[in-house]
C-alpha atoms as a PDB file:
ATOM      1  CA  MET A   1     186.807  95.446  91.376  1.00  0.00           C
ATOM      2  CA  LYS A   2     185.262  95.941  87.956  1.00  0.00           C
ATOM      3  CA  ILE A   3     187.811  95.341  85.220  1.00  0.00           C
ATOM      4  CA  ASN A   4     187.843  97.594  82.169  1.00  0.00           C
ATOM      5  CA  SER A   5     189.680  97.545  78.874  1.00  0.00           C
ATOM      6  CA  ASP A   6     192.895  99.562  78.568  1.00  0.00           C
ATOM      7  CA  PRO A   7     193.835 100.245  82.197  1.00  0.00           C
ATOM      8  CA  TYR A   8     196.920  98.557  83.622  1.00  0.00           C
ATOM      9  CA  TYR A   9     196.474  95.999  86.379  1.00  0.00           C
ATOM     10  CA  HIS A  10     198.500  94.046  88.896  1.00  0.00           C
ATOM     11  CA  LEU A  11     196.870  90.600  88.807  1.00  0.00           C
ATOM     12  CA  TYR A  12     197.693  88.253  91.663  1.00  0.00           C
ATOM     13  CA  ASN A  13     196.485  85.446  93.879  1.00  0.00           C
ATOM     14  CA  ARG A  14     197.844  82.827  96.218  1.00  0.00           C
ATOM     15  CA  GLY A  15     197.116  79.301  97.281  1.00  0.00           C
ATOM     16  CA  ASN A  16     194.196  78.538  99.531  1.00  0.00           C
ATOM     17  CA  ASN A  17     195.383  78.693 103.165  1.00  0.00           C
ATOM     18  CA  LYS A  18     198.674  80.055 101.737  1.00  0.00           C
ATOM     19  CA  ASP A  19     199.408  76.532 100.466  1.00  0.00           C
ATOM     20  CA  LEU A  20     201.458  75.719  97.380  1.00  0.00           C
ATOM     21  CA  ILE A  21     199.985  76.157  93.920  1.00  0.00           C
ATOM     22  CA  PHE A  22     203.103  74.778  92.209  1.00  0.00           C
ATOM     23  CA  PHE A  23     204.349  71.391  93.388  1.00  0.00           C
ATOM     24  CA  GLU A  24     207.068  70.680  90.826  1.00  0.00           C
ATOM     25  CA  ASN A  25     208.803  72.377  87.888  1.00  0.00           C
ATOM     26  CA  GLN A  26     206.375  71.130  85.256  1.00  0.00           C
ATOM     27  CA  ASN A  27     203.497  72.893  87.081  1.00  0.00           C
ATOM     28  CA  TYR A  28     205.051  76.296  86.409  1.00  0.00           C
ATOM     29  CA  ALA A  29     205.351  75.562  82.686  1.00  0.00           C
ATOM     30  CA  TYR A  30     201.804  74.223  82.530  1.00  0.00           C
ATOM     31  CA  PHE A  31     200.491  77.322  84.347  1.00  0.00           C
ATOM     32  CA  LEU A  32     202.216  79.629  81.857  1.00  0.00           C
ATOM     33  CA  ASN A  33     200.988  77.579  78.886  1.00  0.00           C
ATOM     34  CA  GLN A  34     197.414  77.703  80.162  1.00  0.00           C
ATOM     35  CA  PHE A  35     197.744  81.449  80.796  1.00  0.00           C
ATOM     36  CA  LYS A  36     199.041  81.921  77.267  1.00  0.00           C
ATOM     37  CA  LYS A  37     196.149  79.878  75.863  1.00  0.00           C
ATOM     38  CA  TYR A  38     193.245  81.345  77.861  1.00  0.00           C
ATOM     39  CA  VAL A  39     194.271  84.828  79.018  1.00  0.00           C
ATOM     40  CA  ALA A  40     197.142  86.283  76.978  1.00  0.00           C
ATOM     41  CA  PRO A  41     195.075  86.792  73.799  1.00  0.00           C
ATOM     42  CA  PHE A  42     193.049  89.407  75.706  1.00  0.00           C
ATOM     43  CA  CYS A  43     195.816  91.349  77.427  1.00  0.00           C
ATOM     44  CA  GLU A  44     199.338  92.665  77.104  1.00  0.00           C
ATOM     45  CA  VAL A  45     201.731  91.126  79.621  1.00  0.00           C
ATOM     46  CA  TYR A  46     204.525  93.350  80.943  1.00  0.00           C
ATOM     47  CA  SER A  47     205.884  91.195  83.748  1.00  0.00           C
ATOM     48  CA  TYR A  48     205.143  88.106  85.766  1.00  0.00           C
ATOM     49  CA  CYS A  49     206.539  85.990  88.555  1.00  0.00           C
ATOM     50  CA  LEU A  50     205.330  82.592  89.701  1.00  0.00           C
ATOM     51  CA  MET A  51     206.209  81.845  93.310  1.00  0.00           C
ATOM     52  CA  PRO A  52     205.594  78.481  95.013  1.00  0.00           C
ATOM     53  CA  ASN A  53     202.378  79.661  96.688  1.00  0.00           C
ATOM     54  CA  HIS A  54     201.365  82.757  94.709  1.00  0.00           C
ATOM     55  CA  PHE A  55     201.773  84.588  91.419  1.00  0.00           C
ATOM     56  CA  HIS A  56     201.925  88.123  90.024  1.00  0.00           C
ATOM     57  CA  PHE A  57     201.249  89.537  86.558  1.00  0.00           C
ATOM     58  CA  PHE A  58     201.373  93.141  85.393  1.00  0.00           C
ATOM     59  CA  ILE A  59     198.998  93.431  82.439  1.00  0.00           C
ATOM     60  CA  ARG A  60     196.858  95.743  80.331  1.00  0.00           C
ATOM     61  CA  ILE A  61     193.504  94.262  79.355  1.00  0.00           C
ATOM     62  CA  ASN A  62     192.419  94.620  75.719  1.00  0.00           C
ATOM     63  CA  ASP A  63     188.905  93.167  76.007  1.00  0.00           C
ATOM     64  CA  GLU A  64     187.364  92.882  79.471  1.00  0.00           C
ATOM     65  CA  THR A  65     184.572  90.478  78.480  1.00  0.00           C
ATOM     66  CA  LEU A  66     186.881  87.996  76.764  1.00  0.00           C
ATOM     67  CA  PHE A  67     189.475  88.460  79.499  1.00  0.00           C
ATOM     68  CA  GLU A  68     186.937  87.592  82.231  1.00  0.00           C
ATOM     69  CA  ARG A  69     185.842  84.468  80.352  1.00  0.00           C
ATOM     70  CA  GLY A  70     189.442  83.497  79.588  1.00  0.00           C
ATOM     71  CA  ILE A  71     190.722  83.939  83.126  1.00  0.00           C
ATOM     72  CA  LYS A  72     187.828  81.928  84.526  1.00  0.00           C
ATOM     73  CA  ASN A  73     188.611  79.080  82.122  1.00  0.00           C
ATOM     74  CA  PHE A  74     192.308  79.406  82.917  1.00  0.00           C
ATOM     75  CA  PHE A  75     191.820  78.977  86.667  1.00  0.00           C
ATOM     76  CA  ILE A  76     189.379  76.107  86.191  1.00  0.00           C
ATOM     77  CA  SER A  77     191.709  74.255  83.820  1.00  0.00           C
ATOM     78  CA  TYR A  78     194.791  74.715  86.011  1.00  0.00           C
ATOM     79  CA  SER A  79     192.992  73.819  89.253  1.00  0.00           C
ATOM     80  CA  LYS A  80     191.375  70.728  87.753  1.00  0.00           C
ATOM     81  CA  ALA A  81     194.700  69.506  86.367  1.00  0.00           C
ATOM     82  CA  ILE A  82     196.513  70.029  89.680  1.00  0.00           C
ATOM     83  CA  ASN A  83     193.714  68.455  91.717  1.00  0.00           C
ATOM     84  CA  LYS A  84     193.634  65.425  89.434  1.00  0.00           C
ATOM     85  CA  LYS A  85     197.412  64.953  89.284  1.00  0.00           C
ATOM     86  CA  TYR A  86     197.966  65.314  93.022  1.00  0.00           C
ATOM     87  CA  LYS A  87     194.689  63.674  94.110  1.00  0.00           C
ATOM     88  CA  ARG A  88     193.516  66.884  95.764  1.00  0.00           C
ATOM     89  CA  VAL A  89     189.990  68.130  96.334  1.00  0.00           C
ATOM     90  CA  GLY A  90     188.687  71.616  96.916  1.00  0.00           C
ATOM     91  CA  SER A  91     189.883  75.056  96.028  1.00  0.00           C
ATOM     92  CA  LEU A  92     193.486  75.507  94.952  1.00  0.00           C
ATOM     93  CA  PHE A  93     193.391  79.307  95.100  1.00  0.00           C
ATOM     94  CA  GLN A  94     192.359  81.670  97.872  1.00  0.00           C
ATOM     95  CA  GLY A  95     189.145  82.938  96.360  1.00  0.00           C
ATOM     96  CA  ARG A  96     188.827  84.973  93.215  1.00  0.00           C
ATOM     97  CA  TYR A  97     191.969  86.480  91.737  1.00  0.00           C
ATOM     98  CA  LYS A  98     192.786  90.019  92.767  1.00  0.00           C
ATOM     99  CA  VAL A  99     193.520  93.036  90.628  1.00  0.00           C
ATOM    100  CA  SER A 100     194.830  96.450  91.550  1.00  0.00           C
ATOM    101  CA  GLU A 101     194.676  99.166  88.936  1.00  0.00           C
ATOM    102  CA  ILE A 102     198.035 100.824  88.312  1.00  0.00           C
ATOM    103  CA  THR A 103     197.396 104.444  87.447  1.00  0.00           C
ATOM    104  CA  SER A 104     200.683 106.320  87.457  1.00  0.00           C
ATOM    105  CA  ASP A 105     203.928 106.113  85.509  1.00  0.00           C
ATOM    106  CA  SER A 106     205.953 105.687  88.701  1.00  0.00           C
ATOM    107  CA  TYR A 107     203.845 102.649  89.625  1.00  0.00           C
ATOM    108  CA  TYR A 108     204.616 101.023  86.262  1.00  0.00           C
ATOM    109  CA  THR A 109     208.286 100.806  87.101  1.00  0.00           C
ATOM    110  CA  THR A 110     207.632 100.040  90.774  1.00  0.00           C
ATOM    111  CA  ILE A 111     205.262  97.134  90.093  1.00  0.00           C
ATOM    112  CA  ILE A 112     207.558  95.601  87.490  1.00  0.00           C
ATOM    113  CA  THR A 113     210.525  95.830  89.854  1.00  0.00           C
ATOM    114  CA  TYR A 114     208.441  94.487  92.746  1.00  0.00           C
ATOM    115  CA  ILE A 115     207.323  91.483  90.691  1.00  0.00           C
ATOM    116  CA  HIS A 116     210.836  90.667  89.516  1.00  0.00           C
ATOM    117  CA  GLN A 117     212.401  91.112  92.968  1.00  0.00           C
ATOM    118  CA  ASN A 118     209.919  88.705  94.627  1.00  0.00           C
ATOM    119  CA  PRO A 119     212.120  85.566  94.455  1.00  0.00           C
ATOM    120  CA  VAL A 120     215.120  87.428  95.895  1.00  0.00           C
ATOM    121  CA  ILE A 121     213.083  88.960  98.718  1.00  0.00           C
ATOM    122  CA  ALA A 122     211.642  85.505  99.511  1.00  0.00           C
ATOM    123  CA  GLY A 123     215.147  84.018  99.616  1.00  0.00           C
ATOM    124  CA  LEU A 124     214.571  81.588  96.743  1.00  0.00           C
ATOM    125  CA  VAL A 125     217.547  82.948  94.770  1.00  0.00           C
ATOM    126  CA  LYS A 126     220.293  85.505  95.301  1.00  0.00           C
ATOM    127  CA  ASN A 127     219.943  87.062  91.831  1.00  0.00           C
ATOM    128  CA  MET A 128     216.791  87.769  89.833  1.00  0.00           C
ATOM    129  CA  GLU A 129     218.349  86.324  86.674  1.00  0.00           C
ATOM    130  CA  ASP A 130     218.649  82.941  88.422  1.00  0.00           C
ATOM    131  CA  TYR A 131     214.899  82.538  88.912  1.00  0.00           C
ATOM    132  CA  LYS A 132     213.306  80.496  86.105  1.00  0.00           C
ATOM    133  CA  TYR A 133     209.670  81.468  86.684  1.00  0.00           C
ATOM    134  CA  SER A 134     209.842  85.203  86.162  1.00  0.00           C
ATOM    135  CA  SER A 135     209.819  87.452  83.110  1.00  0.00           C
ATOM    136  CA  TYR A 136     213.037  89.182  84.237  1.00  0.00           C
ATOM    137  CA  THR A 137     215.317  86.988  82.121  1.00  0.00           C
ATOM    138  CA  ALA A 138     213.181  87.663  79.033  1.00  0.00           C
ATOM    139  CA  TYR A 139     214.342  91.275  79.241  1.00  0.00           C
ATOM    140  CA  LEU A 140     217.990  90.244  79.310  1.00  0.00           C
ATOM    141  CA  SER A 141     217.651  87.843  76.382  1.00  0.00           C
ATOM    142  CA  ASN A 142     217.379  88.331  72.635  1.00  0.00           C
ATOM    143  CA  LYS A 143     214.996  85.374  72.384  1.00  0.00           C
ATOM    144  CA  GLU A 144     211.447  85.914  71.176  1.00  0.00           C
ATOM    145  CA  THR A 145     208.967  86.475  73.995  1.00  0.00           C
ATOM    146  CA  THR A 146     205.283  87.191  74.497  1.00  0.00           C
ATOM    147  CA  ILE A 147     206.147  89.903  77.055  1.00  0.00           C
ATOM    148  CA  SER A 148     205.624  93.479  75.814  1.00  0.00           C
ATOM    149  CA  LYS A 149     209.327  93.970  76.254  1.00  0.00           C
ATOM    150  CA  GLN A 150     209.992  97.069  74.161  1.00  0.00           C
ATOM    151  CA  GLU A 151     207.295  99.121  75.860  1.00  0.00           C
ATOM    152  CA  VAL A 152     208.709  98.269  79.296  1.00  0.00           C
ATOM    153  CA  ILE A 153     212.285  99.052  78.272  1.00  0.00           C
ATOM    154  CA  GLU A 154     211.044 102.461  77.083  1.00  0.00           C
ATOM    155  CA  TRP A 155     209.288 103.101  80.450  1.00  0.00           C
ATOM    156  CA  PHE A 156     212.601 102.570  82.187  1.00  0.00           C
ATOM    157  CA  GLY A 157     214.522 104.715  79.680  1.00  0.00           C
ATOM    158  CA  GLY A 158     216.511 101.831  78.190  1.00  0.00           C
ATOM    159  CA  LEU A 159     217.801  98.384  79.114  1.00  0.00           C
ATOM    160  CA  ASP A 160     220.672  99.698  81.268  1.00  0.00           C
ATOM    161  CA  SER A 161     218.249 101.790  83.311  1.00  0.00           C
ATOM    162  CA  PHE A 162     215.892  98.780  83.588  1.00  0.00           C
ATOM    163  CA  ILE A 163     218.730  96.647  85.007  1.00  0.00           C
ATOM    164  CA  ASP A 164     219.961  99.403  87.344  1.00  0.00           C
ATOM    165  CA  HIS A 165     216.450 100.035  88.675  1.00  0.00           C
ATOM    166  CA  HIS A 166     216.027  96.334  89.430  1.00  0.00           C
ATOM    167  CA  LYS A 167     219.306  96.227  91.351  1.00  0.00           C
ATOM    168  CA  MET A 168     217.966  98.703  93.881  1.00  0.00           C
ATOM    169  CA  SER A 169     217.682  96.913  97.194  1.00  0.00           C
ATOM    170  CA  LEU A 170     214.253  97.283  98.743  1.00  0.00           C
ATOM    171  CA  ASP A 171     212.872  95.157 101.512  1.00  0.00           C
ATOM    172  CA  GLU A 172     209.425  93.589 101.156  1.00  0.00           C
ATOM    173  CA  GLN A 173     207.779  95.919 103.696  1.00  0.00           C
ATOM    174  CA  GLU A 174     209.019  99.007 101.862  1.00  0.00           C
ATOM    175  CA  ILE A 175     207.815  97.683  98.509  1.00  0.00           C
ATOM    176  CA  ASN A 176     204.402  96.757  99.922  1.00  0.00           C
ATOM    177  CA  LYS A 177     204.106 100.177 101.548  1.00  0.00           C
ATOM    178  CA  ARG A 178     204.949 101.901  98.265  1.00  0.00           C
ATOM    179  CA  LEU A 179     202.392  99.833  96.389  1.00  0.00           C
ATOM    180  CA  LYS A 180     199.819  99.775  99.205  1.00  0.00           C
ATOM    181  CA  LEU A 181     199.425  96.100  98.375  1.00  0.00           C
ATOM    182  CA  LYS A 182     197.851  93.477 100.582  1.00  0.00           C
ATOM    183  CA  LEU A 183     197.584  89.803  99.674  1.00  0.00           C
ATOM    184  CA  THR A 184     194.681  89.209 102.039  1.00  0.00           C
END
């Protein structure tokens, strides 16, 4: 898919052969730091979730040329570091990253909720606020964040509505059907 400036995208990928891309806690932090260094200057980030074998970001790209260069450097730097540290060879990720353009207001709230609910659906935690590698807790905190928090809160009609919307219980099949998403 050709990426353009200004549209909203769901950016995602998973480990090659569905293998892990994060092996220990420090990998998650390193991944986010590298993302912040190479990719974040060229996009707005609205939500993210890093799962043991895949990741999701909901973003709006500000400059497609610099974004493409930045994301390429990001994946190279992360993969090289992981391969070196864990004495791996070969591809860490399953091909090129994937993007799906998000074109409607209802999808904005759906994709954000889907991303944040991922760890609960996967059985990693019982509550979204307990998962360390998601942007959900940034919305509940007064701490400074690089997430475009205010814009998202406005989409949901306020923080209370944001929290209530996230509490809706949807199973993974229903969410995937609503988003027409395939991680293939």
